[in-house]
Amino acid sequence: MASNADTPSPKTNNAPKKLLTIGAALALALVGGVAFAKTQQIQPAGNQVITLSHDVKMASDLQQPADYKPGLNRVTFQSEGVKMVGNLHLPADYKPGDKLPAVVVTGACTTVKEQMPDLYAKKLAEQGLATFTFDFRFWGESGGEPRQYESPQKKIQDIKNAVSYLRSLPMIDANQIGGLGVCASAGYMAEAVAEDTRFKSFVTVAAWLHDPESLRSVFGEEGVRRKMQAGIAAQKKFAQTGEVDYVPAYKQNDPKAAMSSPLSYYGSSSRGAIALGGCSAPSRSGRTSLQRCRG
């Protein structure tokens, strides 16, 4: 589970930017375990030099350039030893030898690449960009245990390793890589961009940054305290027994859920939710349900 070991090392630039990431100060008992929120001083990367992680396999180990085609290309890469599965979208007029600007696209917490990330990725590919979506660790087709664990610090590292993978591809212009983060992953992407000079642009959509004021306004002081206690208890239980306490990401009027206020988007079957065995599952249509079932 998340711990202080997840906290990024501070940078040397003297112009800090405050971001709230899910770290140790606020525990949200999300699906797959515990996510912790912590206000951090994040420094712009400045002259930081970032080298390709040894954990990221080269593209030549996975696919030969001749295999890449316009449209969808299913690929794999590694993030800290975990096999990751992604979708590389190339423009319809792509041909070998092209050098393309690229965008890493990430979606809301608890979602997978086929949901809103691929929707945005396909639209951007129509505009001539190479776009990359992937399942974070613990989610979808990617590896990692426990399953459905919302770990922002792991997700931030996965984003950085996705950039390393993109930079190894023959059709990607390594000097034109941007990030697009939707909802909660906008905060994860913001930290990755702040720490990693290889990103040259950054855009958010419906950003949920988990800043302290927003969290208090949504959950209230008592709600924050309860979630902290639940998260810490779940972390201890997992460390001692290996058992994971799952909670709904969204369930109206359930104080144990990560989100419980009336939100028709997440709870309505006419929008994001799909009824499945008495609870809801995410829609593959691109709309999002944050409800998850145990197991």
C-alpha atoms as a PDB file:
ATOM      1  CA  MET A   1       0.000   0.000   0.000  1.00  0.00           C
ATOM      2  CA  ALA A   2       1.064   3.623  -0.265  1.00  0.00           C
ATOM      3  CA  SER A   3       3.588   4.825   2.267  1.00  0.00           C
ATOM      4  CA  ASN A   4       6.025   7.617   2.857  1.00  0.00           C
ATOM      5  CA  ALA A   5       8.423   5.696   0.656  1.00  0.00           C
ATOM      6  CA  ASP A   6       6.164   6.736  -2.228  1.00  0.00           C
ATOM      7  CA  THR A   7       6.993  10.411  -1.689  1.00  0.00           C
ATOM      8  CA  PRO A   8       9.048  11.865  -4.571  1.00  0.00           C
ATOM      9  CA  SER A   9      12.433  13.287  -3.684  1.00  0.00           C
ATOM     10  CA  PRO A  10      12.458  17.104  -3.484  1.00  0.00           C
ATOM     11  CA  LYS A  11      13.927  19.131  -6.321  1.00  0.00           C
ATOM     12  CA  THR A  12      16.548  21.854  -6.052  1.00  0.00           C
ATOM     13  CA  ASN A  13      14.693  24.717  -7.742  1.00  0.00           C
ATOM     14  CA  ASN A  14      13.670  27.441  -5.277  1.00  0.00           C
ATOM     15  CA  ALA A  15      10.218  28.133  -6.763  1.00  0.00           C
ATOM     16  CA  PRO A  16       7.981  25.435  -5.227  1.00  0.00           C
ATOM     17  CA  LYS A  17       4.510  24.636  -6.500  1.00  0.00           C
ATOM     18  CA  LYS A  18       1.968  23.211  -4.065  1.00  0.00           C
ATOM     19  CA  LEU A  19       0.079  20.204  -5.304  1.00  0.00           C
ATOM     20  CA  LEU A  20      -1.948  17.750  -3.296  1.00  0.00           C
ATOM     21  CA  THR A  21      -1.260  14.174  -4.245  1.00  0.00           C
ATOM     22  CA  ILE A  22      -2.746  11.084  -2.767  1.00  0.00           C
ATOM     23  CA  GLY A  23       0.036  10.265  -0.284  1.00  0.00           C
ATOM     24  CA  ALA A  24       0.223   9.980   3.514  1.00  0.00           C
ATOM     25  CA  ALA A  25      -1.728  12.842   5.062  1.00  0.00           C
ATOM     26  CA  LEU A  26      -5.222  11.964   3.830  1.00  0.00           C
ATOM     27  CA  ALA A  27      -6.225   8.355   3.347  1.00  0.00           C
ATOM     28  CA  LEU A  28      -9.068   7.645   0.948  1.00  0.00           C
ATOM     29  CA  ALA A  29     -10.148   4.011   1.154  1.00  0.00           C
ATOM     30  CA  LEU A  30     -10.557   3.506  -2.588  1.00  0.00           C
ATOM     31  CA  VAL A  31     -11.077   0.329  -4.565  1.00  0.00           C
ATOM     32  CA  GLY A  32      -8.185  -2.082  -4.283  1.00  0.00           C
ATOM     33  CA  GLY A  33      -6.936  -0.698  -1.014  1.00  0.00           C
ATOM     34  CA  VAL A  34      -5.931   2.684   0.310  1.00  0.00           C
ATOM     35  CA  ALA A  35      -4.899   5.918  -1.361  1.00  0.00           C
ATOM     36  CA  PHE A  36      -3.275   8.565   0.760  1.00  0.00           C
ATOM     37  CA  ALA A  37      -3.389  12.312   0.146  1.00  0.00           C
ATOM     38  CA  LYS A  38      -0.503  14.540   1.090  1.00  0.00           C
ATOM     39  CA  THR A  39       0.332  18.142   0.370  1.00  0.00           C
ATOM     40  CA  GLN A  40       3.816  18.291  -1.072  1.00  0.00           C
ATOM     41  CA  GLN A  41       6.196  21.025  -2.167  1.00  0.00           C
ATOM     42  CA  ILE A  42       6.874  20.123  -5.776  1.00  0.00           C
ATOM     43  CA  GLN A  43       9.684  21.946  -7.502  1.00  0.00           C
ATOM     44  CA  PRO A  44       9.823  22.542 -11.243  1.00  0.00           C
ATOM     45  CA  ALA A  45      12.361  20.180 -12.714  1.00  0.00           C
ATOM     46  CA  GLY A  46      14.657  22.981 -13.878  1.00  0.00           C
ATOM     47  CA  ASN A  47      17.889  21.560 -15.271  1.00  0.00           C
ATOM     48  CA  GLN A  48      17.226  18.103 -13.961  1.00  0.00           C
ATOM     49  CA  VAL A  49      18.566  15.412 -16.284  1.00  0.00           C
ATOM     50  CA  ILE A  50      16.348  12.359 -16.603  1.00  0.00           C
ATOM     51  CA  THR A  51      17.740   9.182 -18.091  1.00  0.00           C
ATOM     52  CA  LEU A  52      15.785   6.253 -19.439  1.00  0.00           C
ATOM     53  CA  SER A  53      14.786   3.928 -16.616  1.00  0.00           C
ATOM     54  CA  HIS A  54      16.451   0.527 -16.682  1.00  0.00           C
ATOM     55  CA  ASP A  55      13.020  -0.909 -15.908  1.00  0.00           C
ATOM     56  CA  VAL A  56      11.651   0.119 -19.306  1.00  0.00           C
ATOM     57  CA  LYS A  57      12.193  -2.349 -22.130  1.00  0.00           C
ATOM     58  CA  MET A  58      13.223  -0.925 -25.473  1.00  0.00           C
ATOM     59  CA  ALA A  59      10.612  -0.980 -28.199  1.00  0.00           C
ATOM     60  CA  SER A  60      12.845  -3.247 -30.274  1.00  0.00           C
ATOM     61  CA  ASP A  61      12.338  -5.917 -27.600  1.00  0.00           C
ATOM     62  CA  LEU A  62       8.563  -5.751 -28.048  1.00  0.00           C
ATOM     63  CA  GLN A  63       7.659  -4.759 -31.596  1.00  0.00           C
ATOM     64  CA  GLN A  64       9.703  -4.092 -34.707  1.00  0.00           C
ATOM     65  CA  PRO A  65       9.096  -0.731 -36.409  1.00  0.00           C
ATOM     66  CA  ALA A  66       7.627  -2.496 -39.445  1.00  0.00           C
ATOM     67  CA  ASP A  67       4.835  -3.777 -37.210  1.00  0.00           C
ATOM     68  CA  TYR A  68       3.489  -0.317 -36.443  1.00  0.00           C
ATOM     69  CA  LYS A  69       0.529   0.745 -38.537  1.00  0.00           C
ATOM     70  CA  PRO A  70      -1.922   3.647 -38.716  1.00  0.00           C
ATOM     71  CA  GLY A  71      -4.635   3.436 -36.077  1.00  0.00           C
ATOM     72  CA  LEU A  72      -4.483   1.240 -33.002  1.00  0.00           C
ATOM     73  CA  ASN A  73      -1.306  -0.620 -32.055  1.00  0.00           C
ATOM     74  CA  ARG A  74      -1.424  -2.753 -28.912  1.00  0.00           C
ATOM     75  CA  VAL A  75       1.929  -2.670 -27.137  1.00  0.00           C
ATOM     76  CA  THR A  76       3.558  -3.649 -23.871  1.00  0.00           C
ATOM     77  CA  PHE A  77       6.261  -2.028 -21.790  1.00  0.00           C
ATOM     78  CA  GLN A  78       7.546  -2.338 -18.237  1.00  0.00           C
ATOM     79  CA  SER A  79       7.241  -0.067 -15.234  1.00  0.00           C
ATOM     80  CA  GLU A  80       9.454  -1.008 -12.293  1.00  0.00           C
ATOM     81  CA  GLY A  81       9.419  -4.632 -13.384  1.00  0.00           C
ATOM     82  CA  VAL A  82       5.649  -4.821 -13.952  1.00  0.00           C
ATOM     83  CA  LYS A  83       4.306  -5.635 -17.408  1.00  0.00           C
ATOM     84  CA  MET A  84       2.116  -2.821 -18.706  1.00  0.00           C
ATOM     85  CA  VAL A  85      -0.330  -2.946 -21.620  1.00  0.00           C
ATOM     86  CA  GLY A  86      -1.009   0.118 -23.732  1.00  0.00           C
ATOM     87  CA  ASN A  87      -2.661   1.406 -26.891  1.00  0.00           C
ATOM     88  CA  LEU A  88      -0.535   3.420 -29.307  1.00  0.00           C
ATOM     89  CA  HIS A  89      -2.727   5.391 -31.703  1.00  0.00           C
ATOM     90  CA  LEU A  90      -1.077   6.610 -34.914  1.00  0.00           C
ATOM     91  CA  PRO A  91      -2.610   8.994 -37.484  1.00  0.00           C
ATOM     92  CA  ALA A  92      -4.366   7.533 -40.509  1.00  0.00           C
ATOM     93  CA  ASP A  93      -1.639   8.842 -42.823  1.00  0.00           C
ATOM     94  CA  TYR A  94       1.256   7.526 -40.726  1.00  0.00           C
ATOM     95  CA  LYS A  95       4.078   5.889 -42.659  1.00  0.00           C
ATOM     96  CA  PRO A  96       7.450   4.512 -41.525  1.00  0.00           C
ATOM     97  CA  GLY A  97      10.009   7.274 -41.224  1.00  0.00           C
ATOM     98  CA  ASP A  98       7.565   9.847 -39.848  1.00  0.00           C
ATOM     99  CA  LYS A  99       8.487  11.755 -36.694  1.00  0.00           C
ATOM    100  CA  LEU A 100       5.362  12.652 -34.748  1.00  0.00           C
ATOM    101  CA  PRO A 101       4.564  14.747 -31.690  1.00  0.00           C
ATOM    102  CA  ALA A 102       3.039  12.545 -29.004  1.00  0.00           C
ATOM    103  CA  VAL A 103       0.628  12.804 -26.084  1.00  0.00           C
ATOM    104  CA  VAL A 104       0.266  10.494 -23.076  1.00  0.00           C
ATOM    105  CA  VAL A 105      -3.439  10.391 -22.153  1.00  0.00           C
ATOM    106  CA  THR A 106      -4.648   9.217 -18.729  1.00  0.00           C
ATOM    107  CA  GLY A 107      -8.144   8.938 -17.254  1.00  0.00           C
ATOM    108  CA  ALA A 108     -10.079   9.121 -14.001  1.00  0.00           C
ATOM    109  CA  CYS A 109      -9.209   6.995 -10.985  1.00  0.00           C
ATOM    110  CA  THR A 110     -10.349   3.359 -11.183  1.00  0.00           C
ATOM    111  CA  THR A 111     -10.840   3.513 -14.964  1.00  0.00           C
ATOM    112  CA  VAL A 112      -9.052   1.672 -17.774  1.00  0.00           C
ATOM    113  CA  LYS A 113      -7.548   2.769 -21.076  1.00  0.00           C
ATOM    114  CA  GLU A 114     -10.589   1.836 -23.173  1.00  0.00           C
ATOM    115  CA  GLN A 115     -12.714   4.408 -21.371  1.00  0.00           C
ATOM    116  CA  MET A 116     -12.156   8.165 -21.655  1.00  0.00           C
ATOM    117  CA  PRO A 117      -8.395   7.956 -22.373  1.00  0.00           C
ATOM    118  CA  ASP A 118      -8.930   6.175 -25.697  1.00  0.00           C
ATOM    119  CA  LEU A 119     -11.724   8.571 -26.663  1.00  0.00           C
ATOM    120  CA  TYR A 120      -9.409  11.559 -26.340  1.00  0.00           C
ATOM    121  CA  ALA A 121      -6.492   9.641 -27.848  1.00  0.00           C
ATOM    122  CA  LYS A 122      -8.424   8.741 -31.002  1.00  0.00           C
ATOM    123  CA  LYS A 123      -9.577  12.326 -31.507  1.00  0.00           C
ATOM    124  CA  LEU A 124      -6.046  13.657 -31.098  1.00  0.00           C
ATOM    125  CA  ALA A 125      -4.677  11.027 -33.495  1.00  0.00           C
ATOM    126  CA  GLU A 126      -7.144  12.347 -36.076  1.00  0.00           C
ATOM    127  CA  GLN A 127      -5.330  15.681 -35.738  1.00  0.00           C
ATOM    128  CA  GLY A 128      -1.989  14.124 -36.638  1.00  0.00           C
ATOM    129  CA  LEU A 129      -0.605  13.281 -33.187  1.00  0.00           C
ATOM    130  CA  ALA A 130       0.695   9.975 -31.913  1.00  0.00           C
ATOM    131  CA  THR A 131      -1.215   9.239 -28.708  1.00  0.00           C
ATOM    132  CA  PHE A 132      -0.606   6.702 -25.983  1.00  0.00           C
ATOM    133  CA  THR A 133      -2.977   5.265 -23.404  1.00  0.00           C
ATOM    134  CA  PHE A 134      -2.249   2.444 -20.997  1.00  0.00           C
ATOM    135  CA  ASP A 135      -3.618   0.606 -18.008  1.00  0.00           C
ATOM    136  CA  PHE A 136      -1.900   1.691 -14.815  1.00  0.00           C
ATOM    137  CA  ARG A 137      -0.440  -0.904 -12.503  1.00  0.00           C
ATOM    138  CA  PHE A 138      -3.087  -2.923 -10.645  1.00  0.00           C
ATOM    139  CA  TRP A 139      -5.724  -2.085 -13.252  1.00  0.00           C
ATOM    140  CA  GLY A 140      -7.075  -3.536 -16.491  1.00  0.00           C
ATOM    141  CA  GLU A 141      -4.651  -5.644 -18.528  1.00  0.00           C
ATOM    142  CA  SER A 142      -1.529  -4.438 -16.734  1.00  0.00           C
ATOM    143  CA  GLY A 143       0.062  -6.435 -13.943  1.00  0.00           C
ATOM    144  CA  GLY A 144       0.586  -5.693 -10.281  1.00  0.00           C
ATOM    145  CA  GLU A 145      -0.967  -6.713  -6.977  1.00  0.00           C
ATOM    146  CA  PRO A 146      -3.252  -6.075  -5.209  1.00  0.00           C
ATOM    147  CA  ARG A 147      -5.755  -5.567  -7.977  1.00  0.00           C
ATOM    148  CA  GLN A 148      -7.769  -2.333  -8.178  1.00  0.00           C
ATOM    149  CA  TYR A 149      -5.325  -0.497  -5.925  1.00  0.00           C
ATOM    150  CA  GLU A 150      -5.445   3.250  -6.497  1.00  0.00           C
ATOM    151  CA  SER A 151      -1.832   4.256  -5.829  1.00  0.00           C
ATOM    152  CA  PRO A 152      -1.130   7.778  -7.083  1.00  0.00           C
ATOM    153  CA  GLN A 153       2.626   7.538  -6.546  1.00  0.00           C
ATOM    154  CA  LYS A 154       2.781   4.332  -8.583  1.00  0.00           C
ATOM    155  CA  LYS A 155       0.650   5.961 -11.249  1.00  0.00           C
ATOM    156  CA  ILE A 156       2.990   8.952 -11.378  1.00  0.00           C
ATOM    157  CA  GLN A 157       5.927   6.604 -11.926  1.00  0.00           C
ATOM    158  CA  ASP A 158       3.965   4.680 -14.559  1.00  0.00           C
ATOM    159  CA  ILE A 159       3.402   7.939 -16.451  1.00  0.00           C
ATOM    160  CA  LYS A 160       7.138   8.667 -16.408  1.00  0.00           C
ATOM    161  CA  ASN A 161       7.929   5.166 -17.644  1.00  0.00           C
ATOM    162  CA  ALA A 162       5.327   5.557 -20.392  1.00  0.00           C
ATOM    163  CA  VAL A 163       7.299   8.595 -21.570  1.00  0.00           C
ATOM    164  CA  SER A 164      10.493   6.543 -21.509  1.00  0.00           C
ATOM    165  CA  TYR A 165       8.784   3.944 -23.675  1.00  0.00           C
ATOM    166  CA  LEU A 166       7.492   6.526 -26.145  1.00  0.00           C
ATOM    167  CA  ARG A 167      10.930   8.083 -26.496  1.00  0.00           C
ATOM    168  CA  SER A 168      12.303   4.712 -27.581  1.00  0.00           C
ATOM    169  CA  LEU A 169       9.899   4.421 -30.522  1.00  0.00           C
ATOM    170  CA  PRO A 170      11.164   5.319 -34.015  1.00  0.00           C
ATOM    171  CA  MET A 171       8.167   7.455 -34.992  1.00  0.00           C
ATOM    172  CA  ILE A 172       8.086   9.643 -31.861  1.00  0.00           C
ATOM    173  CA  ASP A 173       9.676  13.085 -31.749  1.00  0.00           C
ATOM    174  CA  ALA A 174      11.267  12.922 -28.303  1.00  0.00           C
ATOM    175  CA  ASN A 175      11.264  16.714 -28.052  1.00  0.00           C
ATOM    176  CA  GLN A 176       7.494  17.005 -28.550  1.00  0.00           C
ATOM    177  CA  ILE A 177       5.818  14.884 -25.875  1.00  0.00           C
ATOM    178  CA  GLY A 178       2.878  16.237 -23.903  1.00  0.00           C
ATOM    179  CA  GLY A 179       0.541  15.008 -21.202  1.00  0.00           C
ATOM    180  CA  LEU A 180      -3.271  15.074 -21.035  1.00  0.00           C
ATOM    181  CA  GLY A 181      -4.811  14.161 -17.673  1.00  0.00           C
ATOM    182  CA  VAL A 182      -8.541  13.699 -17.077  1.00  0.00           C
ATOM    183  CA  CYS A 183     -10.160  14.027 -13.636  1.00  0.00           C
ATOM    184  CA  ALA A 184      -8.012  12.547 -10.836  1.00  0.00           C
ATOM    185  CA  SER A 185      -5.144  11.644 -13.164  1.00  0.00           C
ATOM    186  CA  ALA A 186      -4.759  15.347 -13.924  1.00  0.00           C
ATOM    187  CA  GLY A 187      -3.175  15.636 -10.493  1.00  0.00           C
ATOM    188  CA  TYR A 188      -0.946  12.626 -11.114  1.00  0.00           C
ATOM    189  CA  MET A 189       0.046  14.006 -14.496  1.00  0.00           C
ATOM    190  CA  ALA A 190       0.726  17.435 -12.975  1.00  0.00           C
ATOM    191  CA  GLU A 191       3.267  15.962 -10.588  1.00  0.00           C
ATOM    192  CA  ALA A 192       4.890  13.883 -13.328  1.00  0.00           C
ATOM    193  CA  VAL A 193       5.184  16.959 -15.553  1.00  0.00           C
ATOM    194  CA  ALA A 194       6.566  19.089 -12.709  1.00  0.00           C
ATOM    195  CA  GLU A 195       9.268  16.524 -12.032  1.00  0.00           C
ATOM    196  CA  ASP A 196      10.092  15.401 -15.580  1.00  0.00           C
ATOM    197  CA  THR A 197      11.615  17.799 -18.142  1.00  0.00           C
ATOM    198  CA  ARG A 198      10.844  15.404 -20.985  1.00  0.00           C
ATOM    199  CA  PHE A 199       7.243  16.693 -20.965  1.00  0.00           C
ATOM    200  CA  LYS A 200       6.929  19.785 -23.136  1.00  0.00           C
ATOM    201  CA  SER A 201       3.212  20.503 -22.659  1.00  0.00           C
ATOM    202  CA  PHE A 202       0.406  19.699 -20.233  1.00  0.00           C
ATOM    203  CA  VAL A 203      -3.393  19.890 -20.482  1.00  0.00           C
ATOM    204  CA  THR A 204      -6.124  18.890 -18.031  1.00  0.00           C
ATOM    205  CA  VAL A 205      -9.788  18.042 -18.525  1.00  0.00           C
ATOM    206  CA  ALA A 206     -12.191  18.306 -15.565  1.00  0.00           C
ATOM    207  CA  ALA A 207      -9.175  18.265 -13.243  1.00  0.00           C
ATOM    208  CA  TRP A 208      -9.614  16.826  -9.737  1.00  0.00           C
ATOM    209  CA  LEU A 209      -6.395  17.760  -7.964  1.00  0.00           C
ATOM    210  CA  HIS A 210      -7.265  16.698  -4.415  1.00  0.00           C
ATOM    211  CA  ASP A 211      -6.206  20.023  -2.961  1.00  0.00           C
ATOM    212  CA  PRO A 212      -6.999  20.398   0.769  1.00  0.00           C
ATOM    213  CA  GLU A 213      -9.757  22.967   0.298  1.00  0.00           C
ATOM    214  CA  SER A 214     -11.597  20.831  -2.251  1.00  0.00           C
ATOM    215  CA  LEU A 215     -11.315  17.739  -0.101  1.00  0.00           C
ATOM    216  CA  ARG A 216     -12.751  19.522   2.933  1.00  0.00           C
ATOM    217  CA  SER A 217     -15.577  20.951   0.860  1.00  0.00           C
ATOM    218  CA  VAL A 218     -16.496  17.527  -0.502  1.00  0.00           C
ATOM    219  CA  PHE A 219     -15.969  15.302   2.553  1.00  0.00           C
ATOM    220  CA  GLY A 220     -16.012  17.709   5.494  1.00  0.00           C
ATOM    221  CA  GLU A 221     -13.450  17.683   8.280  1.00  0.00           C
ATOM    222  CA  GLU A 222     -15.033  14.659   9.963  1.00  0.00           C
ATOM    223  CA  GLY A 223     -15.302  12.788   6.672  1.00  0.00           C
ATOM    224  CA  VAL A 224     -11.633  13.373   5.971  1.00  0.00           C
ATOM    225  CA  ARG A 225     -10.736  12.109   9.451  1.00  0.00           C
ATOM    226  CA  ARG A 226     -12.809   8.934   9.001  1.00  0.00           C
ATOM    227  CA  LYS A 227     -11.235   8.181   5.649  1.00  0.00           C
ATOM    228  CA  MET A 228      -7.781   8.718   7.089  1.00  0.00           C
ATOM    229  CA  GLN A 229      -8.496   6.247   9.856  1.00  0.00           C
ATOM    230  CA  ALA A 230     -10.010   3.702   7.464  1.00  0.00           C
ATOM    231  CA  GLY A 231      -7.056   4.016   5.122  1.00  0.00           C
ATOM    232  CA  ILE A 232      -4.456   3.576   7.850  1.00  0.00           C
ATOM    233  CA  ALA A 233      -6.319   0.548   9.230  1.00  0.00           C
ATOM    234  CA  ALA A 234      -6.546  -1.022   5.770  1.00  0.00           C
ATOM    235  CA  GLN A 235      -2.855  -0.439   5.160  1.00  0.00           C
ATOM    236  CA  LYS A 236      -1.911  -2.143   8.433  1.00  0.00           C
ATOM    237  CA  LYS A 237      -4.213  -5.075   7.714  1.00  0.00           C
ATOM    238  CA  PHE A 238      -2.728  -5.567   4.262  1.00  0.00           C
ATOM    239  CA  ALA A 239       0.832  -5.395   5.604  1.00  0.00           C
ATOM    240  CA  GLN A 240       0.050  -7.979   8.309  1.00  0.00           C
ATOM    241  CA  THR A 241      -2.255 -10.393   6.484  1.00  0.00           C
ATOM    242  CA  GLY A 242      -2.126  -9.668   2.767  1.00  0.00           C
ATOM    243  CA  GLU A 243      -5.894  -9.153   2.805  1.00  0.00           C
ATOM    244  CA  VAL A 244      -7.338  -6.132   0.997  1.00  0.00           C
ATOM    245  CA  ASP A 245     -10.350  -4.165   2.191  1.00  0.00           C
ATOM    246  CA  TYR A 246     -12.339  -3.095  -0.862  1.00  0.00           C
ATOM    247  CA  VAL A 247     -14.795  -0.220  -0.788  1.00  0.00           C
ATOM    248  CA  PRO A 248     -17.023   1.286  -3.481  1.00  0.00           C
ATOM    249  CA  ALA A 249     -15.438   4.138  -5.365  1.00  0.00           C
ATOM    250  CA  TYR A 250     -18.954   5.574  -5.677  1.00  0.00           C
ATOM    251  CA  LYS A 251     -22.109   4.629  -3.791  1.00  0.00           C
ATOM    252  CA  GLN A 252     -24.661   7.231  -2.873  1.00  0.00           C
ATOM    253  CA  ASN A 253     -25.110   7.819   0.881  1.00  0.00           C
ATOM    254  CA  ASP A 254     -22.482   5.218   1.789  1.00  0.00           C
ATOM    255  CA  PRO A 255     -19.971   6.890   4.134  1.00  0.00           C
ATOM    256  CA  LYS A 256     -17.424   4.163   3.408  1.00  0.00           C
ATOM    257  CA  ALA A 257     -17.392   4.959  -0.314  1.00  0.00           C
ATOM    258  CA  ALA A 258     -14.780   7.280  -1.732  1.00  0.00           C
ATOM    259  CA  MET A 259     -17.594   9.344  -3.268  1.00  0.00           C
ATOM    260  CA  SER A 260     -21.109   9.224  -1.837  1.00  0.00           C
ATOM    261  CA  SER A 261     -22.902  12.486  -2.607  1.00  0.00           C
ATOM    262  CA  PRO A 262     -25.652  12.475  -5.268  1.00  0.00           C
ATOM    263  CA  LEU A 263     -23.815  12.343  -8.602  1.00  0.00           C
ATOM    264  CA  SER A 264     -26.009  11.128 -11.433  1.00  0.00           C
ATOM    265  CA  TYR A 265     -23.078  10.710 -13.801  1.00  0.00           C
ATOM    266  CA  TYR A 266     -21.482   7.964 -11.720  1.00  0.00           C
ATOM    267  CA  GLY A 267     -24.645   6.335 -10.441  1.00  0.00           C
ATOM    268  CA  SER A 268     -27.014   6.428 -13.409  1.00  0.00           C
ATOM    269  CA  SER A 269     -27.229   3.502 -15.817  1.00  0.00           C
ATOM    270  CA  SER A 270     -28.219   5.986 -18.526  1.00  0.00           C
ATOM    271  CA  ARG A 271     -24.754   7.552 -18.241  1.00  0.00           C
ATOM    272  CA  GLY A 272     -21.731   5.849 -16.722  1.00  0.00           C
ATOM    273  CA  ALA A 273     -22.953   2.941 -14.605  1.00  0.00           C
ATOM    274  CA  ILE A 274     -23.786  -0.552 -15.787  1.00  0.00           C
ATOM    275  CA  ALA A 275     -25.748  -2.849 -13.484  1.00  0.00           C
ATOM    276  CA  LEU A 276     -23.777  -6.013 -12.754  1.00  0.00           C
ATOM    277  CA  GLY A 277     -24.797  -8.450 -10.056  1.00  0.00           C
ATOM    278  CA  GLY A 278     -26.396  -5.852  -7.834  1.00  0.00           C
ATOM    279  CA  CYS A 279     -23.671  -3.235  -8.191  1.00  0.00           C
ATOM    280  CA  SER A 280     -22.196  -1.222 -10.990  1.00  0.00           C
ATOM    281  CA  ALA A 281     -19.268  -1.765 -13.299  1.00  0.00           C
ATOM    282  CA  PRO A 282     -17.473   0.634 -15.641  1.00  0.00           C
ATOM    283  CA  SER A 283     -18.852   1.167 -19.091  1.00  0.00           C
ATOM    284  CA  ARG A 284     -16.523   0.418 -21.983  1.00  0.00           C
ATOM    285  CA  SER A 285     -18.378   2.996 -24.071  1.00  0.00           C
ATOM    286  CA  GLY A 286     -16.124   5.717 -22.731  1.00  0.00           C
ATOM    287  CA  ARG A 287     -18.428   6.869 -19.983  1.00  0.00           C
ATOM    288  CA  THR A 288     -17.263   6.216 -16.485  1.00  0.00           C
ATOM    289  CA  SER A 289     -18.647   4.459 -13.475  1.00  0.00           C
ATOM    290  CA  LEU A 290     -16.598   4.625 -10.309  1.00  0.00           C
ATOM    291  CA  GLN A 291     -18.539   1.836  -8.628  1.00  0.00           C
ATOM    292  CA  ARG A 292     -16.670  -1.415  -8.149  1.00  0.00           C
ATOM    293  CA  CYS A 293     -17.709  -4.769  -6.704  1.00  0.00           C
ATOM    294  CA  ARG A 294     -15.793  -6.855  -4.222  1.00  0.00           C
ATOM    295  CA  GLY A 295     -13.595  -9.526  -5.817  1.00  0.00           C
END
